[in-house]
Amino acid sequence: MIRRIFCALALFMAVVFGLEGKVRLPAIISDNMVLQQKSDVKIWGWADAGAEVSVTESWSGKVYSANADEQGRWSLY
């Protein structure tokens, strides 16, 4: 019984963690980068094909979303 529960839990964890998408950003976009206030900035990167990518402004909380294309490319303006 315990073995079945353990196997079911292991399978569940493998499925859940396998669904996590990987987002990559170009080297020019990094932590602690500085952007000019009130300017239009293009943010781009790569993710799993069809994945939804969301970017949140830290100063206003506004959320921008895009979907990755067939090659996994996405961009936001």
PDB file of N, CA and C in Angstrom:
ATOM      1  N   MET A   1       0.824  -1.195   0.000  1.00  0.00           N
ATOM      2  CA  MET A   1       0.000   0.000   0.000  1.00  0.00           C
ATOM      3  C   MET A   1       0.867   1.258   0.000  1.00  0.00           C
ATOM      4  N   ILE A   2       1.848   1.285   0.892  1.00  0.00           N
ATOM      5  CA  ILE A   2       2.731   2.449   0.969  1.00  0.00           C
ATOM      6  C   ILE A   2       3.520   2.592  -0.330  1.00  0.00           C
ATOM      7  N   ARG A   3       3.900   1.464  -0.912  1.00  0.00           N
ATOM      8  CA  ARG A   3       4.647   1.503  -2.169  1.00  0.00           C
ATOM      9  C   ARG A   3       3.797   2.124  -3.280  1.00  0.00           C
ATOM     10  N   ARG A   4       2.517   1.801  -3.335  1.00  0.00           N
ATOM     11  CA  ARG A   4       1.619   2.378  -4.343  1.00  0.00           C
ATOM     12  C   ARG A   4       1.464   3.882  -4.139  1.00  0.00           C
ATOM     13  N   ILE A   5       1.312   4.292  -2.902  1.00  0.00           N
ATOM     14  CA  ILE A   5       1.185   5.724  -2.608  1.00  0.00           C
ATOM     15  C   ILE A   5       2.461   6.447  -3.014  1.00  0.00           C
ATOM     16  N   PHE A   6       3.604   5.879  -2.688  1.00  0.00           N
ATOM     17  CA  PHE A   6       4.879   6.488  -3.051  1.00  0.00           C
ATOM     18  C   PHE A   6       5.022   6.603  -4.567  1.00  0.00           C
ATOM     19  N   CYS A   7       4.671   5.545  -5.300  1.00  0.00           N
ATOM     20  CA  CYS A   7       4.754   5.568  -6.763  1.00  0.00           C
ATOM     21  C   CYS A   7       3.811   6.612  -7.354  1.00  0.00           C
ATOM     22  N   ALA A   8       2.596   6.697  -6.821  1.00  0.00           N
ATOM     23  CA  ALA A   8       1.634   7.688  -7.302  1.00  0.00           C
ATOM     24  C   ALA A   8       2.136   9.102  -7.032  1.00  0.00           C
ATOM     25  N   LEU A   9       2.696   9.333  -5.856  1.00  0.00           N
ATOM     26  CA  LEU A   9       3.241  10.645  -5.510  1.00  0.00           C
ATOM     27  C   LEU A   9       4.429  10.991  -6.404  1.00  0.00           C
ATOM     28  N   ALA A  10       5.298  10.038  -6.658  1.00  0.00           N
ATOM     29  CA  ALA A  10       6.457  10.271  -7.526  1.00  0.00           C
ATOM     30  C   ALA A  10       6.011  10.609  -8.946  1.00  0.00           C
ATOM     31  N   LEU A  11       5.013   9.901  -9.458  1.00  0.00           N
ATOM     32  CA  LEU A  11       4.481  10.177 -10.787  1.00  0.00           C
ATOM     33  C   LEU A  11       3.854  11.567 -10.842  1.00  0.00           C
ATOM     34  N   PHE A  12       3.080  11.919  -9.823  1.00  0.00           N
ATOM     35  CA  PHE A  12       2.454  13.237  -9.754  1.00  0.00           C
ATOM     36  C   PHE A  12       3.510  14.340  -9.761  1.00  0.00           C
ATOM     37  N   MET A  13       4.556  14.190  -8.960  1.00  0.00           N
ATOM     38  CA  MET A  13       5.612  15.202  -8.883  1.00  0.00           C
ATOM     39  C   MET A  13       6.350  15.326 -10.216  1.00  0.00           C
ATOM     40  N   ALA A  14       6.580  14.210 -10.895  1.00  0.00           N
ATOM     41  CA  ALA A  14       7.263  14.240 -12.190  1.00  0.00           C
ATOM     42  C   ALA A  14       6.437  15.000 -13.219  1.00  0.00           C
ATOM     43  N   VAL A  15       5.125  14.796 -13.200  1.00  0.00           N
ATOM     44  CA  VAL A  15       4.250  15.493 -14.136  1.00  0.00           C
ATOM     45  C   VAL A  15       4.193  16.977 -13.812  1.00  0.00           C
ATOM     46  N   VAL A  16       4.016  17.335 -12.557  1.00  0.00           N
ATOM     47  CA  VAL A  16       3.897  18.741 -12.161  1.00  0.00           C
ATOM     48  C   VAL A  16       5.178  19.501 -12.474  1.00  0.00           C
ATOM     49  N   PHE A  17       6.322  18.965 -12.093  1.00  0.00           N
ATOM     50  CA  PHE A  17       7.576  19.674 -12.330  1.00  0.00           C
ATOM     51  C   PHE A  17       7.983  19.627 -13.793  1.00  0.00           C
ATOM     52  N   GLY A  18       7.483  18.678 -14.541  1.00  0.00           N
ATOM     53  CA  GLY A  18       7.763  18.609 -15.965  1.00  0.00           C
ATOM     54  C   GLY A  18       7.013  19.659 -16.762  1.00  0.00           C
ATOM     55  N   LEU A  19       5.961  20.243 -16.192  1.00  0.00           N
ATOM     56  CA  LEU A  19       5.168  21.252 -16.881  1.00  0.00           C
ATOM     57  C   LEU A  19       5.761  22.648 -16.791  1.00  0.00           C
ATOM     58  N   GLU A  20       6.754  22.818 -15.957  1.00  0.00           N
ATOM     59  CA  GLU A  20       7.350  24.137 -15.777  1.00  0.00           C
ATOM     60  C   GLU A  20       8.059  24.566 -17.053  1.00  0.00           C
ATOM     61  N   GLY A  21       7.746  25.767 -17.537  1.00  0.00           N
ATOM     62  CA  GLY A  21       8.397  26.275 -18.734  1.00  0.00           C
ATOM     63  C   GLY A  21       9.701  26.971 -18.407  1.00  0.00           C
ATOM     64  N   LYS A  22      10.596  26.937 -19.349  1.00  0.00           N
ATOM     65  CA  LYS A  22      11.882  27.594 -19.178  1.00  0.00           C
ATOM     66  C   LYS A  22      11.896  28.847 -20.041  1.00  0.00           C
ATOM     67  N   VAL A  23      12.149  29.987 -19.429  1.00  0.00           N
ATOM     68  CA  VAL A  23      12.248  31.253 -20.144  1.00  0.00           C
ATOM     69  C   VAL A  23      13.702  31.677 -20.150  1.00  0.00           C
ATOM     70  N   ARG A  24      14.218  32.029 -21.338  1.00  0.00           N
ATOM     71  CA  ARG A  24      15.583  32.535 -21.456  1.00  0.00           C
ATOM     72  C   ARG A  24      15.525  33.959 -21.973  1.00  0.00           C
ATOM     73  N   LEU A  25      16.417  34.795 -21.470  1.00  0.00           N
ATOM     74  CA  LEU A  25      16.516  36.182 -21.897  1.00  0.00           C
ATOM     75  C   LEU A  25      17.880  36.412 -22.530  1.00  0.00           C
ATOM     76  N   PRO A  26      17.988  37.398 -23.444  1.00  0.00           N
ATOM     77  CA  PRO A  26      19.297  37.713 -23.998  1.00  0.00           C
ATOM     78  C   PRO A  26      20.205  38.301 -22.917  1.00  0.00           C
ATOM     79  N   ALA A  27      21.516  38.244 -23.136  1.00  0.00           N
ATOM     80  CA  ALA A  27      22.482  38.698 -22.134  1.00  0.00           C
ATOM     81  C   ALA A  27      22.312  40.175 -21.783  1.00  0.00           C
ATOM     82  N   ILE A  28      21.823  40.981 -22.709  1.00  0.00           N
ATOM     83  CA  ILE A  28      21.672  42.420 -22.454  1.00  0.00           C
ATOM     84  C   ILE A  28      20.574  42.711 -21.428  1.00  0.00           C
ATOM     85  N   ILE A  29      19.641  41.790 -21.260  1.00  0.00           N
ATOM     86  CA  ILE A  29      18.560  41.951 -20.286  1.00  0.00           C
ATOM     87  C   ILE A  29      18.916  41.113 -19.066  1.00  0.00           C
ATOM     88  N   SER A  30      19.089  41.780 -17.907  1.00  0.00           N
ATOM     89  CA  SER A  30      19.534  41.047 -16.720  1.00  0.00           C
ATOM     90  C   SER A  30      18.965  41.665 -15.451  1.00  0.00           C
ATOM     91  N   ASP A  31      19.266  41.038 -14.323  1.00  0.00           N
ATOM     92  CA  ASP A  31      18.856  41.566 -13.024  1.00  0.00           C
ATOM     93  C   ASP A  31      19.472  42.943 -12.811  1.00  0.00           C
ATOM     94  N   ASN A  32      18.737  43.797 -12.142  1.00  0.00           N
ATOM     95  CA  ASN A  32      19.199  45.135 -11.758  1.00  0.00           C
ATOM     96  C   ASN A  32      19.527  46.041 -12.937  1.00  0.00           C
ATOM     97  N   MET A  33      18.993  45.739 -14.120  1.00  0.00           N
ATOM     98  CA  MET A  33      19.219  46.649 -15.240  1.00  0.00           C
ATOM     99  C   MET A  33      18.384  47.907 -15.029  1.00  0.00           C
ATOM    100  N   VAL A  34      18.836  49.014 -15.568  1.00  0.00           N
ATOM    101  CA  VAL A  34      18.172  50.304 -15.394  1.00  0.00           C
ATOM    102  C   VAL A  34      17.533  50.704 -16.717  1.00  0.00           C
ATOM    103  N   LEU A  35      16.258  51.086 -16.664  1.00  0.00           N
ATOM    104  CA  LEU A  35      15.540  51.553 -17.840  1.00  0.00           C
ATOM    105  C   LEU A  35      15.139  53.004 -17.628  1.00  0.00           C
ATOM    106  N   GLN A  36      15.129  53.770 -18.704  1.00  0.00           N
ATOM    107  CA  GLN A  36      14.720  55.164 -18.601  1.00  0.00           C
ATOM    108  C   GLN A  36      13.222  55.236 -18.338  1.00  0.00           C
ATOM    109  N   GLN A  37      12.851  56.095 -17.404  1.00  0.00           N
ATOM    110  CA  GLN A  37      11.449  56.255 -17.030  1.00  0.00           C
ATOM    111  C   GLN A  37      10.630  56.745 -18.214  1.00  0.00           C
ATOM    112  N   LYS A  38       9.429  56.220 -18.356  1.00  0.00           N
ATOM    113  CA  LYS A  38       8.453  56.600 -19.379  1.00  0.00           C
ATOM    114  C   LYS A  38       8.970  56.401 -20.801  1.00  0.00           C
ATOM    115  N   SER A  39       9.841  55.429 -21.010  1.00  0.00           N
ATOM    116  CA  SER A  39      10.320  55.133 -22.358  1.00  0.00           C
ATOM    117  C   SER A  39       9.757  53.782 -22.803  1.00  0.00           C
ATOM    118  N   ASP A  40       9.602  53.628 -24.114  1.00  0.00           N
ATOM    119  CA  ASP A  40       9.147  52.354 -24.666  1.00  0.00           C
ATOM    120  C   ASP A  40      10.354  51.434 -24.796  1.00  0.00           C
ATOM    121  N   VAL A  41      10.232  50.243 -24.250  1.00  0.00           N
ATOM    122  CA  VAL A  41      11.338  49.287 -24.254  1.00  0.00           C
ATOM    123  C   VAL A  41      10.832  47.954 -24.786  1.00  0.00           C
ATOM    124  N   LYS A  42      11.602  47.355 -25.674  1.00  0.00           N
ATOM    125  CA  LYS A  42      11.263  46.022 -26.173  1.00  0.00           C
ATOM    126  C   LYS A  42      11.977  44.999 -25.296  1.00  0.00           C
ATOM    127  N   ILE A  43      11.216  44.059 -24.758  1.00  0.00           N
ATOM    128  CA  ILE A  43      11.757  42.946 -23.983  1.00  0.00           C
ATOM    129  C   ILE A  43      11.475  41.690 -24.797  1.00  0.00           C
ATOM    130  N   TRP A  44      12.475  40.847 -24.980  1.00  0.00           N
ATOM    131  CA  TRP A  44      12.296  39.646 -25.781  1.00  0.00           C
ATOM    132  C   TRP A  44      13.066  38.483 -25.183  1.00  0.00           C
ATOM    133  N   GLY A  45      12.761  37.309 -25.693  1.00  0.00           N
ATOM    134  CA  GLY A  45      13.449  36.125 -25.207  1.00  0.00           C
ATOM    135  C   GLY A  45      12.912  34.875 -25.863  1.00  0.00           C
ATOM    136  N   TRP A  46      13.178  33.743 -25.222  1.00  0.00           N
ATOM    137  CA  TRP A  46      12.795  32.444 -25.745  1.00  0.00           C
ATOM    138  C   TRP A  46      12.129  31.632 -24.644  1.00  0.00           C
ATOM    139  N   ALA A  47      11.162  30.833 -25.034  1.00  0.00           N
ATOM    140  CA  ALA A  47      10.443  29.959 -24.097  1.00  0.00           C
ATOM    141  C   ALA A  47       9.980  28.733 -24.875  1.00  0.00           C
ATOM    142  N   ASP A  48       9.283  27.842 -24.214  1.00  0.00           N
ATOM    143  CA  ASP A  48       8.703  26.694 -24.908  1.00  0.00           C
ATOM    144  C   ASP A  48       7.671  27.197 -25.913  1.00  0.00           C
ATOM    145  N   ALA A  49       7.590  26.560 -27.067  1.00  0.00           N
ATOM    146  CA  ALA A  49       6.635  26.959 -28.101  1.00  0.00           C
ATOM    147  C   ALA A  49       5.221  26.996 -27.527  1.00  0.00           C
ATOM    148  N   GLY A  50       4.510  28.105 -27.768  1.00  0.00           N
ATOM    149  CA  GLY A  50       3.140  28.253 -27.299  1.00  0.00           C
ATOM    150  C   GLY A  50       2.993  28.680 -25.851  1.00  0.00           C
ATOM    151  N   ALA A  51       4.101  28.808 -25.126  1.00  0.00           N
ATOM    152  CA  ALA A  51       4.030  29.183 -23.708  1.00  0.00           C
ATOM    153  C   ALA A  51       3.631  30.647 -23.552  1.00  0.00           C
ATOM    154  N   GLU A  52       2.894  30.940 -22.491  1.00  0.00           N
ATOM    155  CA  GLU A  52       2.552  32.327 -22.180  1.00  0.00           C
ATOM    156  C   GLU A  52       3.621  32.885 -21.252  1.00  0.00           C
ATOM    157  N   VAL A  53       4.129  34.081 -21.603  1.00  0.00           N
ATOM    158  CA  VAL A  53       5.162  34.748 -20.815  1.00  0.00           C
ATOM    159  C   VAL A  53       4.571  36.044 -20.283  1.00  0.00           C
ATOM    160  N   SER A  54       4.744  36.310 -18.993  1.00  0.00           N
ATOM    161  CA  SER A  54       4.236  37.535 -18.371  1.00  0.00           C
ATOM    162  C   SER A  54       5.383  38.310 -17.753  1.00  0.00           C
ATOM    163  N   VAL A  55       5.350  39.632 -17.931  1.00  0.00           N
ATOM    164  CA  VAL A  55       6.337  40.533 -17.334  1.00  0.00           C
ATOM    165  C   VAL A  55       5.565  41.548 -16.510  1.00  0.00           C
ATOM    166  N   THR A  56       5.990  41.767 -15.270  1.00  0.00           N
ATOM    167  CA  THR A  56       5.307  42.692 -14.366  1.00  0.00           C
ATOM    168  C   THR A  56       6.208  43.874 -14.045  1.00  0.00           C
ATOM    169  N   GLU A  57       5.675  45.094 -14.212  1.00  0.00           N
ATOM    170  CA  GLU A  57       6.418  46.296 -13.829  1.00  0.00           C
ATOM    171  C   GLU A  57       6.521  46.350 -12.315  1.00  0.00           C
ATOM    172  N   SER A  58       7.716  46.554 -11.793  1.00  0.00           N
ATOM    173  CA  SER A  58       7.880  46.605 -10.340  1.00  0.00           C
ATOM    174  C   SER A  58       7.343  47.905  -9.760  1.00  0.00           C
ATOM    175  N   TRP A  59       7.294  48.980 -10.540  1.00  0.00           N
ATOM    176  CA  TRP A  59       6.869  50.274 -10.022  1.00  0.00           C
ATOM    177  C   TRP A  59       5.369  50.469 -10.056  1.00  0.00           C
ATOM    178  N   SER A  60       4.644  49.774 -10.944  1.00  0.00           N
ATOM    179  CA  SER A  60       3.196  49.974 -11.013  1.00  0.00           C
ATOM    180  C   SER A  60       2.407  48.679 -10.835  1.00  0.00           C
ATOM    181  N   GLY A  61       3.066  47.555 -10.992  1.00  0.00           N
ATOM    182  CA  GLY A  61       2.367  46.279 -10.891  1.00  0.00           C
ATOM    183  C   GLY A  61       1.642  45.880 -12.166  1.00  0.00           C
ATOM    184  N   LYS A  62       1.739  46.694 -13.218  1.00  0.00           N
ATOM    185  CA  LYS A  62       1.082  46.388 -14.487  1.00  0.00           C
ATOM    186  C   LYS A  62       1.730  45.154 -15.110  1.00  0.00           C
ATOM    187  N   VAL A  63       0.888  44.267 -15.660  1.00  0.00           N
ATOM    188  CA  VAL A  63       1.360  43.004 -16.226  1.00  0.00           C
ATOM    189  C   VAL A  63       1.199  43.026 -17.744  1.00  0.00           C
ATOM    190  N   TYR A  64       2.249  42.633 -18.443  1.00  0.00           N
ATOM    191  CA  TYR A  64       2.232  42.488 -19.896  1.00  0.00           C
ATOM    192  C   TYR A  64       2.421  41.007 -20.211  1.00  0.00           C
ATOM    193  N   SER A  65       1.696  40.511 -21.214  1.00  0.00           N
ATOM    194  CA  SER A  65       1.780  39.091 -21.554  1.00  0.00           C
ATOM    195  C   SER A  65       1.970  38.908 -23.053  1.00  0.00           C
ATOM    196  N   ALA A  66       2.642  37.823 -23.407  1.00  0.00           N
ATOM    197  CA  ALA A  66       2.836  37.443 -24.807  1.00  0.00           C
ATOM    198  C   ALA A  66       2.890  35.926 -24.877  1.00  0.00           C
ATOM    199  N   ASN A  67       2.627  35.392 -26.052  1.00  0.00           N
ATOM    200  CA  ASN A  67       2.739  33.950 -26.280  1.00  0.00           C
ATOM    201  C   ASN A  67       3.928  33.679 -27.186  1.00  0.00           C
ATOM    202  N   ALA A  68       4.687  32.646 -26.877  1.00  0.00           N
ATOM    203  CA  ALA A  68       5.829  32.262 -27.701  1.00  0.00           C
ATOM    204  C   ALA A  68       5.332  31.647 -29.010  1.00  0.00           C
ATOM    205  N   ASP A  69       6.045  31.944 -30.098  1.00  0.00           N
ATOM    206  CA  ASP A  69       5.659  31.385 -31.396  1.00  0.00           C
ATOM    207  C   ASP A  69       6.150  29.939 -31.536  1.00  0.00           C
ATOM    208  N   GLU A  70       6.065  29.388 -32.745  1.00  0.00           N
ATOM    209  CA  GLU A  70       6.432  27.988 -32.974  1.00  0.00           C
ATOM    210  C   GLU A  70       7.904  27.712 -32.678  1.00  0.00           C
ATOM    211  N   GLN A  71       8.756  28.738 -32.848  1.00  0.00           N
ATOM    212  CA  GLN A  71      10.179  28.586 -32.556  1.00  0.00           C
ATOM    213  C   GLN A  71      10.513  28.956 -31.113  1.00  0.00           C
ATOM    214  N   GLY A  72       9.514  29.345 -30.344  1.00  0.00           N
ATOM    215  CA  GLY A  72       9.726  29.694 -28.944  1.00  0.00           C
ATOM    216  C   GLY A  72      10.089  31.149 -28.715  1.00  0.00           C
ATOM    217  N   ARG A  73      10.051  31.978 -29.747  1.00  0.00           N
ATOM    218  CA  ARG A  73      10.402  33.400 -29.604  1.00  0.00           C
ATOM    219  C   ARG A  73       9.192  34.195 -29.126  1.00  0.00           C
ATOM    220  N   TRP A  74       9.436  35.172 -28.256  1.00  0.00           N
ATOM    221  CA  TRP A  74       8.385  36.068 -27.788  1.00  0.00           C
ATOM    222  C   TRP A  74       8.982  37.463 -27.625  1.00  0.00           C
ATOM    223  N   SER A  75       8.124  38.478 -27.661  1.00  0.00           N
ATOM    224  CA  SER A  75       8.582  39.849 -27.419  1.00  0.00           C
ATOM    225  C   SER A  75       7.427  40.688 -26.903  1.00  0.00           C
ATOM    226  N   LEU A  76       7.780  41.693 -26.133  1.00  0.00           N
ATOM    227  CA  LEU A  76       6.823  42.643 -25.567  1.00  0.00           C
ATOM    228  C   LEU A  76       7.344  44.049 -25.807  1.00  0.00           C
ATOM    229  N   TYR A  77       6.440  45.001 -26.072  1.00  0.00           N
ATOM    230  CA  TYR A  77       6.820  46.402 -26.244  1.00  0.00           C
ATOM    231  C   TYR A  77       6.215  47.232 -25.157  1.00  0.00           C
TER     232      TYR A  77
END
